[in-house]
Amino acid sequence: MKTRRITIIAAIAALVFVGTSCGNKTQKTSQEEVTTVEQSANRGLEGYRNTFPNNYLYELGSGDKSTATNNSSLEEYALLSFFGRINYSFKDRYLLEANLRYDGSSRFADGHRWGLFPSVSAGWI
């Protein structure tokens, strides 16, 4: 099995802007962009036999020929992802985060290899 995964941090722009308006109201924002590339090739070979004459023989050829089976497999896939995140904080109490992910995968159906996956979250402390 051979799997390669590469994560490229295109720009972790931890840009923090601190400003004041209306007295003591502080606002902070940060953003992050990341690219991920993944490729995998899995190859398998399998053989099976049953009814060995004793427990000390581990060779596949020592088992009963009538129970012999074999199998092989090959699986390959690739994934390319781009995603970004923006965080916003108001007075370090009210939080907002927006994420946008754009994935291309060989596992998606033909004609639909790319997908856009947005998300938003909010909270307060």
Protein backbone atom coordinates (compact mmCIF):
# COMPACT_ATOMS: atom_id res chain seq x y z
CA MET A 1 0.00 0.00 0.00
CA LYS A 2 1.41 3.36 -1.02
CA THR A 3 -0.19 6.61 0.16
CA ARG A 4 1.23 10.08 -0.30
CA ARG A 5 -0.25 13.06 1.51
CA ILE A 6 1.07 16.57 1.08
CA THR A 7 -0.31 19.56 2.96
CA ILE A 8 0.71 22.93 1.61
CA ILE A 9 -0.02 25.93 3.75
CA ALA A 10 -0.40 28.42 0.96
CA ALA A 11 -0.69 31.35 3.27
CA ILE A 12 -1.47 31.09 6.91
CA ALA A 13 -2.13 34.73 7.00
CA ALA A 14 -2.70 35.11 10.67
CA LEU A 15 -3.58 38.68 10.07
CA VAL A 16 -4.93 40.11 13.27
CA PHE A 17 -6.38 43.57 13.07
CA VAL A 18 -7.10 45.23 16.40
CA GLY A 19 -8.97 48.48 16.30
CA THR A 20 -11.16 50.48 18.56
CA SER A 21 -14.40 52.18 17.85
CA CYS A 22 -17.10 53.52 20.13
CA GLY A 23 -14.93 53.55 23.24
CA ASN A 24 -13.67 50.10 24.32
CA LYS A 25 -15.14 47.90 21.53
CA THR A 26 -12.34 45.76 20.10
CA GLN A 27 -12.61 43.77 16.88
CA LYS A 28 -10.25 41.03 15.65
CA THR A 29 -10.14 39.12 12.39
CA SER A 30 -7.86 36.36 11.09
CA GLN A 31 -7.76 34.29 7.93
CA GLU A 32 -6.12 31.06 6.80
CA GLU A 33 -5.77 29.36 3.41
CA VAL A 34 -4.58 25.75 3.00
CA THR A 35 -4.14 23.32 0.09
CA THR A 36 -4.05 19.53 0.55
CA VAL A 37 -3.02 16.90 -2.04
CA GLU A 38 -3.48 13.16 -1.46
CA GLN A 39 -2.76 10.20 -3.75
CA SER A 40 -3.12 6.52 -2.89
CA ALA A 41 -2.49 3.22 -4.68
CA ASN A 42 -3.40 0.03 -2.83
CA ARG A 43 -2.59 -3.39 -4.26
CA GLY A 44 -3.49 -6.65 -2.57
CA LEU A 45 -2.84 -10.36 -3.16
CA GLU A 46 -4.54 -13.02 -1.08
CA GLY A 47 -4.44 -16.82 -0.97
CA TYR A 48 -6.28 -19.26 1.27
CA ARG A 49 -6.29 -22.99 2.03
CA ASN A 50 -7.85 -25.05 4.79
CA THR A 51 -7.37 -28.50 6.38
CA PHE A 52 -3.65 -28.57 7.15
CA PRO A 53 -2.27 -31.92 8.39
CA ASN A 54 -0.95 -30.31 11.61
CA ASN A 55 -0.42 -26.91 13.25
CA TYR A 56 3.30 -26.78 12.44
CA LEU A 57 2.98 -26.39 8.66
CA TYR A 58 2.57 -22.75 7.62
CA GLU A 59 3.16 -23.11 3.89
CA LEU A 60 0.11 -22.42 1.78
CA GLY A 61 0.81 -25.48 -0.39
CA SER A 62 0.44 -27.80 2.64
CA GLY A 63 -3.32 -27.32 2.89
CA ASP A 64 -6.09 -29.19 1.09
CA LYS A 65 -6.10 -28.26 -2.63
CA SER A 66 -9.90 -28.41 -2.84
CA THR A 67 -10.18 -25.46 -0.39
CA ALA A 68 -7.75 -23.22 -2.32
CA THR A 69 -8.88 -19.69 -3.20
CA ASN A 70 -7.03 -16.61 -4.37
CA ASN A 71 -7.88 -13.00 -4.94
CA SER A 72 -6.24 -9.72 -5.92
CA SER A 73 -7.28 -6.09 -5.76
CA LEU A 74 -6.20 -2.66 -6.99
CA GLU A 75 -7.52 0.67 -5.73
CA GLU A 76 -6.27 4.09 -6.73
CA TYR A 77 -7.64 7.49 -5.84
CA ALA A 78 -6.63 11.13 -5.66
CA LEU A 79 -7.89 14.13 -3.70
CA LEU A 80 -7.13 17.83 -4.10
CA SER A 81 -8.57 20.30 -1.59
CA PHE A 82 -8.49 24.04 -1.15
CA PHE A 83 -9.96 25.56 1.95
CA GLY A 84 -9.98 28.82 3.77
CA ARG A 85 -11.25 30.17 7.05
CA ILE A 86 -12.06 33.62 8.35
CA ASN A 87 -12.52 34.29 12.07
CA TYR A 88 -14.09 37.41 13.55
CA SER A 89 -14.21 38.37 17.23
CA PHE A 90 -16.00 41.34 18.75
CA LYS A 91 -14.84 42.33 22.24
CA ASP A 92 -13.43 38.78 22.64
CA ARG A 93 -16.98 37.75 23.46
CA TYR A 94 -18.94 37.33 20.22
CA LEU A 95 -17.35 34.96 17.69
CA LEU A 96 -18.05 34.27 14.03
CA GLU A 97 -16.24 31.83 11.73
CA ALA A 98 -16.80 31.16 8.02
CA ASN A 99 -15.20 28.22 6.16
CA LEU A 100 -15.10 27.46 2.46
CA ARG A 101 -13.75 24.16 1.12
CA TYR A 102 -13.42 23.18 -2.56
CA ASP A 103 -12.65 19.47 -3.08
CA GLY A 104 -11.80 17.54 -6.22
CA SER A 105 -11.82 13.75 -5.86
CA SER A 106 -11.56 10.76 -8.14
CA ARG A 107 -14.11 9.08 -5.83
CA PHE A 108 -16.85 11.56 -6.80
CA ALA A 109 -19.11 10.60 -9.72
CA ASP A 110 -18.07 11.51 -13.27
CA GLY A 111 -19.20 15.02 -14.11
CA HIS A 112 -19.32 15.86 -10.39
CA ARG A 113 -15.64 15.55 -9.48
CA TRP A 114 -15.55 18.94 -7.73
CA GLY A 115 -17.68 20.10 -4.82
CA LEU A 116 -17.99 23.31 -2.83
CA PHE A 117 -18.62 22.89 0.91
CA PRO A 118 -19.31 26.13 2.86
CA SER A 119 -19.96 26.39 6.61
CA VAL A 120 -20.58 29.14 9.16
CA SER A 121 -20.57 29.07 12.94
CA ALA A 122 -21.27 31.65 15.62
CA GLY A 123 -20.97 31.72 19.38
CA TRP A 124 -20.44 33.82 22.45
CA ILE A 125 -18.43 33.44 25.61
